[in-house]
Amino acid sequence: MDEQVRWVTKAEAVRELEVSLSTLDRKIRRGEIEVRREGRRVYVRLEGPTYVSDDELLRRSLAREDKLQRRLWELDGRASKLERERDEARESASAGRQAYEEMEEADRKERTAHGRTKRLAMRLGLAATALFVICALVTWQLLT
């Protein structure tokens, strides 16, 4: 019985073998895959029938679907984790912002109180000076 062999382009070989172009090139360099060149075109030797059976196509598509489902599940889990981290960071930033605003409010109140105390001390000092001057004048009047 003759062995079924076909020659396909590198692009077709990549699709059928389900590998990347760089992986196919690496296999070609290692001699794992036989190639034939016609001018600038490169053909890859593949074993099997010229046309792939429906069962084989179905098997490949189911395998790809399973692989994509697993990848989707992994990415969904990763997205959930990133969303949780984002929410935690937002809560932390919100708590930090709230603490900052509370400190800013306390500082503003303290500055206001300090300003009032300073004005009161100046008025008290002025009143004491005025009282001292008046007492000195009264004493001067009494002595003279």
N, C-alpha and C. Protein backbone atom coordinates (compact mmCIF):
# COMPACT_ATOMS: atom_id res chain seq x y z
N MET A 1 0.84 -1.18 0.00
CA MET A 1 0.00 0.00 0.00
C MET A 1 0.88 1.23 0.00
N ASP A 2 0.57 2.18 -0.84
CA ASP A 2 1.36 3.40 -0.93
C ASP A 2 1.10 4.28 0.27
N GLU A 3 2.18 4.87 0.72
CA GLU A 3 2.08 5.82 1.84
C GLU A 3 1.56 7.13 1.28
N GLN A 4 0.57 7.70 1.94
CA GLN A 4 -0.01 8.95 1.46
C GLN A 4 0.83 10.12 1.96
N VAL A 5 1.38 10.87 1.03
CA VAL A 5 2.23 12.02 1.35
C VAL A 5 1.74 13.19 0.52
N ARG A 6 1.80 14.36 1.10
CA ARG A 6 1.42 15.55 0.35
C ARG A 6 2.38 16.68 0.70
N TRP A 7 2.52 17.58 -0.24
CA TRP A 7 3.39 18.72 -0.06
C TRP A 7 2.51 19.96 0.05
N VAL A 8 2.70 20.72 1.16
CA VAL A 8 1.88 21.92 1.40
C VAL A 8 2.80 23.10 1.69
N THR A 9 2.25 24.28 1.58
CA THR A 9 3.03 25.48 1.90
C THR A 9 3.25 25.55 3.41
N LYS A 10 4.17 26.41 3.79
CA LYS A 10 4.45 26.55 5.22
C LYS A 10 3.22 27.05 5.97
N ALA A 11 2.45 27.94 5.36
CA ALA A 11 1.25 28.48 6.02
C ALA A 11 0.25 27.37 6.29
N GLU A 12 0.04 26.48 5.29
CA GLU A 12 -0.89 25.37 5.50
C GLU A 12 -0.36 24.41 6.54
N ALA A 13 0.96 24.18 6.53
CA ALA A 13 1.56 23.28 7.51
C ALA A 13 1.41 23.82 8.93
N VAL A 14 1.56 25.12 9.08
CA VAL A 14 1.39 25.74 10.40
C VAL A 14 -0.03 25.51 10.90
N ARG A 15 -1.02 25.70 10.02
CA ARG A 15 -2.42 25.49 10.41
C ARG A 15 -2.69 24.03 10.77
N GLU A 16 -2.21 23.12 9.94
CA GLU A 16 -2.51 21.70 10.17
C GLU A 16 -1.76 21.14 11.37
N LEU A 17 -0.52 21.54 11.54
CA LEU A 17 0.26 21.03 12.68
C LEU A 17 -0.06 21.79 13.97
N GLU A 18 -0.77 22.91 13.82
CA GLU A 18 -1.15 23.75 14.96
C GLU A 18 0.07 24.16 15.79
N VAL A 19 1.07 24.68 15.07
CA VAL A 19 2.27 25.22 15.70
C VAL A 19 2.51 26.61 15.13
N SER A 20 3.40 27.35 15.76
CA SER A 20 3.72 28.68 15.24
C SER A 20 4.72 28.55 14.09
N LEU A 21 4.85 29.60 13.34
CA LEU A 21 5.77 29.60 12.20
C LEU A 21 7.21 29.43 12.69
N SER A 22 7.54 30.06 13.80
CA SER A 22 8.91 29.92 14.32
C SER A 22 9.19 28.49 14.76
N THR A 23 8.18 27.81 15.33
CA THR A 23 8.36 26.41 15.72
C THR A 23 8.55 25.54 14.49
N LEU A 24 7.77 25.80 13.43
CA LEU A 24 7.91 25.05 12.19
C LEU A 24 9.30 25.27 11.60
N ASP A 25 9.78 26.51 11.58
CA ASP A 25 11.12 26.80 11.06
C ASP A 25 12.19 26.08 11.87
N ARG A 26 12.01 26.05 13.19
CA ARG A 26 12.97 25.35 14.05
C ARG A 26 13.00 23.86 13.73
N LYS A 27 11.82 23.27 13.53
CA LYS A 27 11.77 21.84 13.19
C LYS A 27 12.41 21.59 11.83
N ILE A 28 12.23 22.51 10.90
CA ILE A 28 12.84 22.37 9.58
C ILE A 28 14.36 22.43 9.70
N ARG A 29 14.88 23.38 10.49
CA ARG A 29 16.33 23.51 10.67
C ARG A 29 16.92 22.26 11.32
N ARG A 30 16.20 21.68 12.25
CA ARG A 30 16.68 20.47 12.94
C ARG A 30 16.59 19.23 12.05
N GLY A 31 15.86 19.34 10.96
CA GLY A 31 15.70 18.21 10.07
C GLY A 31 14.55 17.29 10.47
N GLU A 32 13.72 17.73 11.37
CA GLU A 32 12.59 16.91 11.82
C GLU A 32 11.49 16.86 10.76
N ILE A 33 11.44 17.87 9.92
CA ILE A 33 10.42 17.94 8.87
C ILE A 33 11.14 18.12 7.54
N GLU A 34 10.71 17.33 6.56
CA GLU A 34 11.32 17.38 5.24
C GLU A 34 10.70 18.51 4.44
N VAL A 35 11.55 19.24 3.70
CA VAL A 35 11.07 20.35 2.88
C VAL A 35 11.58 20.20 1.46
N ARG A 36 10.89 20.87 0.57
CA ARG A 36 11.30 20.92 -0.84
C ARG A 36 11.17 22.37 -1.27
N ARG A 37 12.14 22.84 -2.01
CA ARG A 37 12.14 24.23 -2.45
C ARG A 37 11.95 24.28 -3.96
N GLU A 38 11.12 25.22 -4.36
CA GLU A 38 10.94 25.50 -5.79
C GLU A 38 11.10 27.00 -5.95
N GLY A 39 12.29 27.40 -6.30
CA GLY A 39 12.57 28.84 -6.37
C GLY A 39 12.55 29.40 -4.96
N ARG A 40 11.70 30.40 -4.75
CA ARG A 40 11.60 31.01 -3.42
C ARG A 40 10.55 30.33 -2.56
N ARG A 41 9.77 29.45 -3.15
CA ARG A 41 8.70 28.79 -2.41
C ARG A 41 9.24 27.58 -1.66
N VAL A 42 8.69 27.38 -0.47
CA VAL A 42 9.09 26.25 0.36
C VAL A 42 7.85 25.40 0.61
N TYR A 43 7.98 24.11 0.35
CA TYR A 43 6.88 23.18 0.59
C TYR A 43 7.29 22.21 1.68
N VAL A 44 6.35 21.89 2.54
CA VAL A 44 6.61 21.00 3.67
C VAL A 44 5.92 19.67 3.40
N ARG A 45 6.60 18.60 3.72
CA ARG A 45 6.04 17.26 3.50
C ARG A 45 5.22 16.87 4.72
N LEU A 46 3.96 16.54 4.45
CA LEU A 46 3.08 16.07 5.52
C LEU A 46 2.56 14.69 5.16
N GLU A 47 2.44 13.86 6.17
CA GLU A 47 1.91 12.52 5.98
C GLU A 47 0.40 12.58 6.09
N GLY A 48 -0.27 11.70 5.42
CA GLY A 48 -1.71 11.62 5.55
C GLY A 48 -2.40 11.92 4.25
N PRO A 49 -3.71 11.78 4.27
CA PRO A 49 -4.48 11.99 3.04
C PRO A 49 -4.46 13.45 2.60
N THR A 50 -4.74 13.66 1.34
CA THR A 50 -4.76 15.01 0.79
C THR A 50 -5.83 15.84 1.46
N TYR A 51 -6.96 15.24 1.71
CA TYR A 51 -8.05 15.95 2.38
C TYR A 51 -8.28 15.31 3.73
N VAL A 52 -8.42 16.15 4.73
CA VAL A 52 -8.63 15.67 6.09
C VAL A 52 -10.09 15.25 6.24
N SER A 53 -10.31 14.14 6.95
CA SER A 53 -11.68 13.64 7.11
C SER A 53 -12.48 14.54 8.03
N ASP A 54 -13.80 14.39 7.93
CA ASP A 54 -14.69 15.19 8.78
C ASP A 54 -14.46 14.88 10.26
N ASP A 55 -14.22 13.60 10.56
CA ASP A 55 -13.98 13.22 11.96
C ASP A 55 -12.72 13.89 12.50
N GLU A 56 -11.69 13.94 11.67
CA GLU A 56 -10.45 14.59 12.09
C GLU A 56 -10.65 16.08 12.29
N LEU A 57 -11.39 16.71 11.38
CA LEU A 57 -11.68 18.14 11.53
C LEU A 57 -12.48 18.40 12.80
N LEU A 58 -13.46 17.53 13.08
CA LEU A 58 -14.27 17.67 14.29
C LEU A 58 -13.41 17.49 15.53
N ARG A 59 -12.54 16.47 15.51
CA ARG A 59 -11.66 16.23 16.66
C ARG A 59 -10.76 17.43 16.91
N ARG A 60 -10.20 17.98 15.85
CA ARG A 60 -9.32 19.15 16.00
C ARG A 60 -10.09 20.36 16.54
N SER A 61 -11.29 20.58 16.00
CA SER A 61 -12.05 21.75 16.47
C SER A 61 -12.47 21.58 17.92
N LEU A 62 -12.83 20.36 18.33
CA LEU A 62 -13.18 20.12 19.74
C LEU A 62 -11.97 20.31 20.65
N ALA A 63 -10.81 19.85 20.18
CA ALA A 63 -9.59 20.04 20.97
C ALA A 63 -9.27 21.52 21.11
N ARG A 64 -9.42 22.27 20.01
CA ARG A 64 -9.18 23.72 20.07
C ARG A 64 -10.18 24.40 20.99
N GLU A 65 -11.44 23.95 20.91
CA GLU A 65 -12.48 24.54 21.76
C GLU A 65 -12.17 24.29 23.23
N ASP A 66 -11.75 23.06 23.57
CA ASP A 66 -11.39 22.76 24.96
C ASP A 66 -10.22 23.62 25.43
N LYS A 67 -9.24 23.75 24.56
CA LYS A 67 -8.08 24.56 24.90
C LYS A 67 -8.49 26.02 25.14
N LEU A 68 -9.35 26.54 24.27
CA LEU A 68 -9.81 27.92 24.42
C LEU A 68 -10.69 28.09 25.65
N GLN A 69 -11.50 27.08 25.97
CA GLN A 69 -12.33 27.14 27.18
C GLN A 69 -11.45 27.21 28.42
N ARG A 70 -10.39 26.39 28.47
CA ARG A 70 -9.47 26.42 29.62
C ARG A 70 -8.79 27.78 29.72
N ARG A 71 -8.37 28.30 28.59
CA ARG A 71 -7.71 29.61 28.57
C ARG A 71 -8.68 30.71 29.03
N LEU A 72 -9.93 30.61 28.56
CA LEU A 72 -10.95 31.57 28.96
C LEU A 72 -11.19 31.50 30.47
N TRP A 73 -11.25 30.29 31.01
CA TRP A 73 -11.45 30.10 32.44
C TRP A 73 -10.29 30.72 33.23
N GLU A 74 -9.05 30.48 32.77
CA GLU A 74 -7.87 31.06 33.43
C GLU A 74 -7.92 32.58 33.39
N LEU A 75 -8.24 33.13 32.23
CA LEU A 75 -8.28 34.59 32.09
C LEU A 75 -9.41 35.19 32.91
N ASP A 76 -10.53 34.49 33.02
CA ASP A 76 -11.65 34.97 33.82
C ASP A 76 -11.24 35.02 35.30
N GLY A 77 -10.55 33.98 35.76
CA GLY A 77 -10.05 33.97 37.14
C GLY A 77 -9.06 35.09 37.39
N ARG A 78 -8.20 35.31 36.43
CA ARG A 78 -7.21 36.39 36.55
C ARG A 78 -7.89 37.75 36.58
N ALA A 79 -8.92 37.91 35.74
CA ALA A 79 -9.65 39.18 35.71
C ALA A 79 -10.36 39.42 37.04
N SER A 80 -10.93 38.37 37.62
CA SER A 80 -11.59 38.51 38.92
C SER A 80 -10.59 38.92 39.99
N LYS A 81 -9.42 38.31 39.96
CA LYS A 81 -8.38 38.65 40.94
C LYS A 81 -7.96 40.11 40.78
N LEU A 82 -7.77 40.55 39.55
CA LEU A 82 -7.38 41.94 39.31
C LEU A 82 -8.47 42.91 39.73
N GLU A 83 -9.73 42.53 39.52
CA GLU A 83 -10.84 43.39 39.95
C GLU A 83 -10.86 43.51 41.47
N ARG A 84 -10.62 42.39 42.17
CA ARG A 84 -10.57 42.43 43.65
C ARG A 84 -9.44 43.34 44.12
N GLU A 85 -8.27 43.19 43.49
CA GLU A 85 -7.13 44.03 43.86
C GLU A 85 -7.43 45.51 43.60
N ARG A 86 -8.10 45.80 42.47
CA ARG A 86 -8.46 47.17 42.15
C ARG A 86 -9.42 47.73 43.20
N ASP A 87 -10.42 46.93 43.58
CA ASP A 87 -11.39 47.38 44.58
C ASP A 87 -10.71 47.63 45.93
N GLU A 88 -9.78 46.73 46.31
CA GLU A 88 -9.04 46.92 47.56
C GLU A 88 -8.21 48.19 47.51
N ALA A 89 -7.59 48.44 46.37
CA ALA A 89 -6.77 49.65 46.22
C ALA A 89 -7.64 50.90 46.30
N ARG A 90 -8.83 50.83 45.71
CA ARG A 90 -9.75 51.97 45.79
C ARG A 90 -10.17 52.22 47.23
N GLU A 91 -10.50 51.14 47.96
CA GLU A 91 -10.91 51.29 49.36
C GLU A 91 -9.76 51.87 50.19
N SER A 92 -8.56 51.37 49.94
CA SER A 92 -7.39 51.87 50.67
C SER A 92 -7.16 53.34 50.37
N ALA A 93 -7.26 53.70 49.10
CA ALA A 93 -7.08 55.11 48.71
C ALA A 93 -8.17 55.97 49.32
N SER A 94 -9.39 55.45 49.35
CA SER A 94 -10.51 56.20 49.93
C SER A 94 -10.28 56.41 51.42
N ALA A 95 -9.83 55.36 52.11
CA ALA A 95 -9.57 55.48 53.55
C ALA A 95 -8.43 56.47 53.80
N GLY A 96 -7.39 56.39 52.98
CA GLY A 96 -6.27 57.33 53.11
C GLY A 96 -6.70 58.75 52.84
N ARG A 97 -7.53 58.93 51.82
CA ARG A 97 -8.04 60.26 51.48
C ARG A 97 -8.90 60.80 52.62
N GLN A 98 -9.73 59.93 53.21
CA GLN A 98 -10.60 60.36 54.30
C GLN A 98 -9.75 60.76 55.51
N ALA A 99 -8.72 59.97 55.83
CA ALA A 99 -7.84 60.31 56.94
C ALA A 99 -7.13 61.64 56.68
N TYR A 100 -6.69 61.85 55.44
CA TYR A 100 -6.03 63.10 55.08
C TYR A 100 -6.98 64.28 55.26
N GLU A 101 -8.22 64.11 54.81
CA GLU A 101 -9.20 65.20 54.94
C GLU A 101 -9.49 65.49 56.41
N GLU A 102 -9.54 64.44 57.25
CA GLU A 102 -9.77 64.65 58.68
C GLU A 102 -8.59 65.40 59.30
N MET A 103 -7.37 65.02 58.91
CA MET A 103 -6.19 65.72 59.43
C MET A 103 -6.17 67.17 58.96
N GLU A 104 -6.55 67.39 57.71
CA GLU A 104 -6.59 68.74 57.17
C GLU A 104 -7.62 69.59 57.93
N GLU A 105 -8.78 69.00 58.24
CA GLU A 105 -9.82 69.70 58.99
C GLU A 105 -9.33 70.03 60.41
N ALA A 106 -8.66 69.06 61.05
CA ALA A 106 -8.13 69.30 62.40
C ALA A 106 -7.08 70.41 62.36
N ASP A 107 -6.23 70.41 61.34
CA ASP A 107 -5.20 71.44 61.20
C ASP A 107 -5.84 72.81 61.01
N ARG A 108 -6.89 72.87 60.18
CA ARG A 108 -7.58 74.14 59.95
C ARG A 108 -8.20 74.66 61.25
N LYS A 109 -8.82 73.76 62.03
CA LYS A 109 -9.42 74.17 63.31
C LYS A 109 -8.34 74.66 64.28
N GLU A 110 -7.21 73.95 64.29
CA GLU A 110 -6.12 74.34 65.18
C GLU A 110 -5.56 75.70 64.80
N ARG A 111 -5.40 75.95 63.50
CA ARG A 111 -4.91 77.26 63.06
C ARG A 111 -5.90 78.37 63.41
N THR A 112 -7.18 78.08 63.25
CA THR A 112 -8.20 79.07 63.60
C THR A 112 -8.15 79.38 65.09
N ALA A 113 -8.04 78.33 65.91
CA ALA A 113 -7.97 78.52 67.36
C ALA A 113 -6.70 79.28 67.74
N HIS A 114 -5.59 78.97 67.08
CA HIS A 114 -4.34 79.66 67.37
C HIS A 114 -4.46 81.15 67.01
N GLY A 115 -5.11 81.43 65.88
CA GLY A 115 -5.32 82.83 65.48
C GLY A 115 -6.17 83.58 66.49
N ARG A 116 -7.22 82.92 66.98
CA ARG A 116 -8.06 83.56 67.99
C ARG A 116 -7.27 83.83 69.27
N THR A 117 -6.49 82.83 69.68
CA THR A 117 -5.69 82.99 70.90
C THR A 117 -4.68 84.12 70.73
N LYS A 118 -4.08 84.21 69.57
CA LYS A 118 -3.09 85.26 69.31
C LYS A 118 -3.76 86.64 69.36
N ARG A 119 -4.93 86.77 68.73
CA ARG A 119 -5.65 88.05 68.77
C ARG A 119 -6.06 88.40 70.21
N LEU A 120 -6.51 87.40 70.97
CA LEU A 120 -6.91 87.63 72.36
C LEU A 120 -5.70 88.07 73.19
N ALA A 121 -4.54 87.44 72.96
CA ALA A 121 -3.34 87.81 73.70
C ALA A 121 -2.91 89.23 73.36
N MET A 122 -3.03 89.60 72.08
CA MET A 122 -2.67 90.97 71.69
C MET A 122 -3.62 91.98 72.34
N ARG A 123 -4.90 91.68 72.35
CA ARG A 123 -5.87 92.59 72.99
C ARG A 123 -5.61 92.69 74.49
N LEU A 124 -5.31 91.54 75.11
CA LEU A 124 -5.03 91.54 76.55
C LEU A 124 -3.77 92.34 76.84
N GLY A 125 -2.75 92.19 75.98
CA GLY A 125 -1.52 92.96 76.15
C GLY A 125 -1.78 94.44 75.99
N LEU A 126 -2.56 94.81 75.00
CA LEU A 126 -2.92 96.22 74.78
C LEU A 126 -3.70 96.77 75.97
N ALA A 127 -4.64 95.98 76.46
CA ALA A 127 -5.45 96.41 77.62
C ALA A 127 -4.56 96.58 78.84
N ALA A 128 -3.62 95.65 79.05
CA ALA A 128 -2.71 95.75 80.20
C ALA A 128 -1.83 96.98 80.07
N THR A 129 -1.34 97.25 78.85
CA THR A 129 -0.50 98.43 78.63
C THR A 129 -1.31 99.70 78.87
N ALA A 130 -2.52 99.73 78.37
CA ALA A 130 -3.38 100.90 78.57
C ALA A 130 -3.66 101.09 80.06
N LEU A 131 -3.94 100.00 80.78
CA LEU A 131 -4.19 100.08 82.22
C LEU A 131 -2.96 100.59 82.96
N PHE A 132 -1.79 100.11 82.56
CA PHE A 132 -0.55 100.55 83.19
C PHE A 132 -0.33 102.04 82.95
N VAL A 133 -0.57 102.50 81.72
CA VAL A 133 -0.40 103.92 81.40
C VAL A 133 -1.39 104.76 82.21
N ILE A 134 -2.63 104.32 82.30
CA ILE A 134 -3.64 105.07 83.06
C ILE A 134 -3.25 105.11 84.54
N CYS A 135 -2.80 103.97 85.07
CA CYS A 135 -2.37 103.94 86.48
C CYS A 135 -1.18 104.87 86.70
N ALA A 136 -0.27 104.90 85.75
CA ALA A 136 0.89 105.77 85.87
C ALA A 136 0.46 107.23 85.85
N LEU A 137 -0.47 107.57 84.96
CA LEU A 137 -0.97 108.95 84.90
C LEU A 137 -1.71 109.33 86.18
N VAL A 138 -2.52 108.43 86.68
CA VAL A 138 -3.26 108.71 87.93
C VAL A 138 -2.27 108.90 89.07
N THR A 139 -1.27 108.05 89.13
CA THR A 139 -0.26 108.17 90.18
C THR A 139 0.50 109.48 90.02
N TRP A 140 0.83 109.86 88.84
CA TRP A 140 1.53 111.11 88.58
C TRP A 140 0.68 112.29 89.02
N GLN A 141 -0.60 112.24 88.72
CA GLN A 141 -1.51 113.32 89.12
C GLN A 141 -1.63 113.39 90.63
N LEU A 142 -1.66 112.26 91.27
CA LEU A 142 -1.80 112.25 92.72
C LEU A 142 -0.52 112.74 93.39
N LEU A 143 0.59 112.47 92.82
CA LEU A 143 1.85 112.87 93.43
C LEU A 143 2.19 114.33 93.12
N THR A 144 1.73 114.87 92.12
CA THR A 144 2.05 116.25 91.81
C THR A 144 1.02 117.21 92.23
